[in-house]
């Protein structure tokens, strides 16, 4: 089993959510990458419900994403709303 996300998937996510050509670490990109990892680990936990170590990592990632979303909401609310729609997550 691979750890984390595939390199090609990461590149696609960065390509889709970046602000400009050189952007790879903006808040939007970080939130999108975290969301993909959260989705990946959620699928893993459906197959392995007793994997408590991964569950702990998942809860910390969800908290980190929440903090970033709160920051984005306070700084740029229109980008926040757009990102929620693109990612299909609740605000």
N, C-alpha and C. Protein backbone atom coordinates (compact mmCIF):
# COMPACT_ATOMS: atom_id res chain seq x y z
N UNK A 1 0.85 -1.19 0.00
CA UNK A 1 0.00 0.00 0.00
C UNK A 1 0.89 1.25 0.00
N UNK A 2 0.49 2.23 -0.79
CA UNK A 2 1.27 3.47 -0.86
C UNK A 2 0.91 4.38 0.31
N UNK A 3 1.86 5.22 0.67
CA UNK A 3 1.63 6.18 1.75
C UNK A 3 1.27 7.51 1.12
N UNK A 4 0.22 8.12 1.58
CA UNK A 4 -0.16 9.43 1.09
C UNK A 4 -0.71 9.40 -0.32
N UNK A 5 -0.56 10.53 -1.01
CA UNK A 5 -1.10 10.67 -2.35
C UNK A 5 -0.04 10.43 -3.41
N UNK A 6 -0.48 9.98 -4.56
CA UNK A 6 0.40 9.78 -5.70
C UNK A 6 0.90 11.14 -6.20
N UNK A 7 2.10 11.16 -6.72
CA UNK A 7 2.72 12.40 -7.19
C UNK A 7 1.89 13.04 -8.30
N UNK A 8 1.36 12.22 -9.20
CA UNK A 8 0.54 12.75 -10.30
C UNK A 8 -0.74 13.40 -9.79
N UNK A 9 -1.33 12.80 -8.77
CA UNK A 9 -2.55 13.38 -8.18
C UNK A 9 -2.23 14.72 -7.54
N UNK A 10 -1.11 14.80 -6.83
CA UNK A 10 -0.69 16.07 -6.21
C UNK A 10 -0.48 17.14 -7.26
N UNK A 11 0.20 16.78 -8.36
CA UNK A 11 0.44 17.75 -9.42
C UNK A 11 -0.87 18.26 -10.01
N UNK A 12 -1.83 17.36 -10.21
CA UNK A 12 -3.13 17.76 -10.76
C UNK A 12 -3.85 18.72 -9.82
N UNK A 13 -3.80 18.43 -8.53
CA UNK A 13 -4.46 19.29 -7.54
C UNK A 13 -3.81 20.66 -7.51
N UNK A 14 -2.48 20.69 -7.49
CA UNK A 14 -1.76 21.97 -7.48
C UNK A 14 -2.09 22.76 -8.74
N UNK A 15 -2.12 22.08 -9.88
CA UNK A 15 -2.44 22.72 -11.16
C UNK A 15 -3.84 23.34 -11.13
N UNK A 16 -4.78 22.63 -10.53
CA UNK A 16 -6.17 23.07 -10.52
C UNK A 16 -6.41 24.25 -9.57
N UNK A 17 -5.73 24.29 -8.42
CA UNK A 17 -6.05 25.27 -7.40
C UNK A 17 -5.03 26.40 -7.24
N UNK A 18 -3.96 26.39 -8.03
CA UNK A 18 -2.94 27.42 -7.87
C UNK A 18 -3.42 28.77 -8.35
N UNK A 19 -2.82 29.81 -7.81
CA UNK A 19 -3.20 31.19 -8.14
C UNK A 19 -2.45 31.67 -9.38
N UNK A 20 -1.15 31.33 -9.47
CA UNK A 20 -0.35 31.70 -10.63
C UNK A 20 0.59 30.56 -10.99
N UNK A 21 1.44 30.76 -11.97
CA UNK A 21 2.31 29.71 -12.48
C UNK A 21 3.26 29.12 -11.44
N UNK A 22 3.77 29.96 -10.55
CA UNK A 22 4.77 29.50 -9.58
C UNK A 22 4.16 29.10 -8.23
N UNK A 23 2.87 29.18 -8.10
CA UNK A 23 2.21 28.89 -6.83
C UNK A 23 2.15 27.40 -6.56
N UNK A 24 2.61 27.00 -5.39
CA UNK A 24 2.47 25.60 -4.98
C UNK A 24 2.14 25.50 -3.50
N UNK A 25 2.03 26.63 -2.81
CA UNK A 25 1.81 26.56 -1.37
C UNK A 25 0.80 27.56 -0.84
N UNK A 26 -0.04 28.11 -1.70
CA UNK A 26 -1.05 29.05 -1.22
C UNK A 26 -2.06 28.31 -0.34
N UNK A 27 -2.84 29.06 0.38
CA UNK A 27 -3.83 28.47 1.28
C UNK A 27 -4.78 27.56 0.52
N UNK A 28 -5.22 28.00 -0.66
CA UNK A 28 -6.15 27.20 -1.45
C UNK A 28 -5.54 25.85 -1.83
N UNK A 29 -4.29 25.86 -2.25
CA UNK A 29 -3.61 24.62 -2.65
C UNK A 29 -3.45 23.71 -1.43
N UNK A 30 -3.05 24.28 -0.30
CA UNK A 30 -2.86 23.47 0.91
C UNK A 30 -4.17 22.83 1.35
N UNK A 31 -5.27 23.59 1.28
CA UNK A 31 -6.57 23.05 1.68
C UNK A 31 -6.99 21.93 0.73
N UNK A 32 -6.77 22.13 -0.57
CA UNK A 32 -7.13 21.11 -1.56
C UNK A 32 -6.32 19.83 -1.35
N UNK A 33 -5.03 19.96 -1.07
CA UNK A 33 -4.19 18.78 -0.83
C UNK A 33 -4.61 18.06 0.45
N UNK A 34 -4.90 18.83 1.49
CA UNK A 34 -5.38 18.21 2.73
C UNK A 34 -6.69 17.48 2.51
N UNK A 35 -7.58 18.08 1.73
CA UNK A 35 -8.87 17.45 1.45
C UNK A 35 -8.69 16.13 0.72
N UNK A 36 -7.76 16.09 -0.22
CA UNK A 36 -7.49 14.83 -0.94
C UNK A 36 -6.93 13.77 0.00
N UNK A 37 -6.02 14.18 0.89
CA UNK A 37 -5.46 13.22 1.86
C UNK A 37 -6.54 12.73 2.82
N UNK A 38 -7.41 13.63 3.25
CA UNK A 38 -8.51 13.26 4.15
C UNK A 38 -9.41 12.22 3.47
N UNK A 39 -9.72 12.45 2.20
CA UNK A 39 -10.55 11.51 1.45
C UNK A 39 -9.86 10.15 1.33
N UNK A 40 -8.55 10.18 1.08
CA UNK A 40 -7.77 8.95 0.94
C UNK A 40 -7.76 8.15 2.24
N UNK A 41 -7.53 8.82 3.35
CA UNK A 41 -7.48 8.13 4.65
C UNK A 41 -8.86 7.65 5.07
N UNK A 42 -9.89 8.40 4.72
CA UNK A 42 -11.26 7.98 5.04
C UNK A 42 -11.58 6.65 4.35
N UNK A 43 -11.18 6.52 3.08
CA UNK A 43 -11.37 5.26 2.36
C UNK A 43 -10.59 4.13 3.03
N UNK A 44 -9.37 4.41 3.46
CA UNK A 44 -8.55 3.42 4.14
C UNK A 44 -9.24 2.95 5.43
N UNK A 45 -9.81 3.90 6.17
CA UNK A 45 -10.44 3.55 7.45
C UNK A 45 -11.73 2.76 7.27
N UNK A 46 -12.35 2.86 6.10
CA UNK A 46 -13.54 2.03 5.84
C UNK A 46 -13.14 0.56 5.75
N UNK A 47 -11.95 0.29 5.21
CA UNK A 47 -11.46 -1.08 5.10
C UNK A 47 -10.81 -1.57 6.39
N UNK A 48 -10.21 -0.63 7.14
CA UNK A 48 -9.47 -0.98 8.36
C UNK A 48 -9.98 -0.14 9.54
N UNK A 49 -11.15 -0.48 10.06
CA UNK A 49 -11.76 0.36 11.10
C UNK A 49 -11.00 0.42 12.42
N UNK A 50 -10.10 -0.53 12.67
CA UNK A 50 -9.37 -0.52 13.94
C UNK A 50 -7.99 0.13 13.83
N UNK A 51 -7.73 0.80 12.72
CA UNK A 51 -6.45 1.49 12.53
C UNK A 51 -6.52 2.84 13.25
N UNK A 52 -6.27 2.81 14.54
CA UNK A 52 -6.43 4.01 15.37
C UNK A 52 -5.35 5.05 15.10
N UNK A 53 -4.18 4.60 14.69
CA UNK A 53 -3.10 5.54 14.37
C UNK A 53 -3.49 6.42 13.18
N UNK A 54 -4.04 5.82 12.14
CA UNK A 54 -4.49 6.60 10.98
C UNK A 54 -5.66 7.49 11.34
N UNK A 55 -6.53 7.00 12.23
CA UNK A 55 -7.69 7.81 12.65
C UNK A 55 -7.22 9.07 13.38
N UNK A 56 -6.19 8.94 14.20
CA UNK A 56 -5.63 10.09 14.91
C UNK A 56 -5.06 11.10 13.92
N UNK A 57 -4.34 10.61 12.92
CA UNK A 57 -3.81 11.48 11.88
C UNK A 57 -4.91 12.17 11.11
N UNK A 58 -5.99 11.44 10.85
CA UNK A 58 -7.13 12.02 10.13
C UNK A 58 -7.76 13.16 10.92
N UNK A 59 -7.95 12.97 12.22
CA UNK A 59 -8.56 14.03 13.01
C UNK A 59 -7.68 15.27 13.09
N UNK A 60 -6.36 15.06 13.13
CA UNK A 60 -5.47 16.23 13.16
C UNK A 60 -5.49 16.96 11.81
N UNK A 61 -5.59 16.20 10.71
CA UNK A 61 -5.66 16.83 9.38
C UNK A 61 -6.96 17.62 9.21
N UNK A 62 -8.05 17.06 9.71
CA UNK A 62 -9.34 17.77 9.63
C UNK A 62 -9.26 19.06 10.42
N UNK A 63 -8.63 19.03 11.59
CA UNK A 63 -8.47 20.25 12.40
C UNK A 63 -7.61 21.28 11.71
N UNK A 64 -6.54 20.83 11.08
CA UNK A 64 -5.65 21.74 10.36
C UNK A 64 -6.37 22.39 9.18
N UNK A 65 -7.15 21.58 8.46
CA UNK A 65 -7.92 22.11 7.33
C UNK A 65 -8.95 23.13 7.82
N UNK A 66 -9.58 22.84 8.95
CA UNK A 66 -10.58 23.75 9.51
C UNK A 66 -9.95 25.10 9.83
N UNK A 67 -8.75 25.09 10.43
CA UNK A 67 -8.07 26.34 10.77
C UNK A 67 -7.74 27.13 9.51
N UNK A 68 -7.27 26.43 8.47
CA UNK A 68 -6.96 27.11 7.22
C UNK A 68 -8.22 27.69 6.57
N UNK A 69 -9.31 26.93 6.64
CA UNK A 69 -10.57 27.42 6.08
C UNK A 69 -11.06 28.66 6.84
N UNK A 70 -10.91 28.65 8.16
CA UNK A 70 -11.30 29.81 8.95
C UNK A 70 -10.48 31.04 8.57
N UNK A 71 -9.18 30.82 8.36
CA UNK A 71 -8.31 31.92 7.94
C UNK A 71 -8.75 32.46 6.58
N UNK A 72 -9.00 31.57 5.65
CA UNK A 72 -9.41 31.99 4.31
C UNK A 72 -10.75 32.71 4.35
N UNK A 73 -11.65 32.25 5.20
CA UNK A 73 -12.96 32.88 5.33
C UNK A 73 -12.83 34.31 5.85
N UNK A 74 -11.91 34.53 6.77
CA UNK A 74 -11.75 35.88 7.34
C UNK A 74 -11.01 36.81 6.38
N UNK A 75 -10.07 36.27 5.59
CA UNK A 75 -9.28 37.10 4.70
C UNK A 75 -9.95 37.35 3.34
N UNK A 76 -10.47 36.27 2.74
CA UNK A 76 -11.08 36.38 1.40
C UNK A 76 -12.33 35.51 1.33
N UNK A 77 -13.47 36.03 1.80
CA UNK A 77 -14.70 35.23 1.87
C UNK A 77 -15.19 34.71 0.52
N UNK A 78 -14.97 35.47 -0.56
CA UNK A 78 -15.46 35.02 -1.87
C UNK A 78 -14.64 33.81 -2.36
N UNK A 79 -13.34 33.81 -2.10
CA UNK A 79 -12.49 32.68 -2.47
C UNK A 79 -12.87 31.47 -1.61
N UNK A 80 -13.17 31.71 -0.35
CA UNK A 80 -13.59 30.66 0.58
C UNK A 80 -14.83 29.94 0.05
N UNK A 81 -15.85 30.70 -0.33
CA UNK A 81 -17.09 30.10 -0.83
C UNK A 81 -16.85 29.31 -2.11
N UNK A 82 -16.04 29.87 -2.99
CA UNK A 82 -15.72 29.20 -4.25
C UNK A 82 -14.99 27.89 -4.00
N UNK A 83 -14.04 27.91 -3.06
CA UNK A 83 -13.27 26.71 -2.74
C UNK A 83 -14.14 25.61 -2.14
N UNK A 84 -15.08 25.99 -1.29
CA UNK A 84 -16.00 25.01 -0.71
C UNK A 84 -16.80 24.32 -1.78
N UNK A 85 -17.27 25.09 -2.76
CA UNK A 85 -18.04 24.49 -3.86
C UNK A 85 -17.18 23.56 -4.70
N UNK A 86 -15.95 23.99 -5.01
CA UNK A 86 -15.06 23.15 -5.83
C UNK A 86 -14.72 21.84 -5.14
N UNK A 87 -14.48 21.91 -3.83
CA UNK A 87 -14.08 20.71 -3.10
C UNK A 87 -15.27 19.85 -2.64
N UNK A 88 -16.45 20.46 -2.64
CA UNK A 88 -17.63 19.71 -2.21
C UNK A 88 -17.65 19.43 -0.73
N UNK A 89 -17.19 20.40 0.07
CA UNK A 89 -17.20 20.24 1.53
C UNK A 89 -18.10 21.27 2.16
N UNK A 90 -18.52 20.98 3.37
CA UNK A 90 -19.37 21.93 4.09
C UNK A 90 -18.52 22.97 4.77
N UNK A 91 -19.07 24.16 4.93
CA UNK A 91 -18.34 25.23 5.59
C UNK A 91 -18.77 25.35 6.97
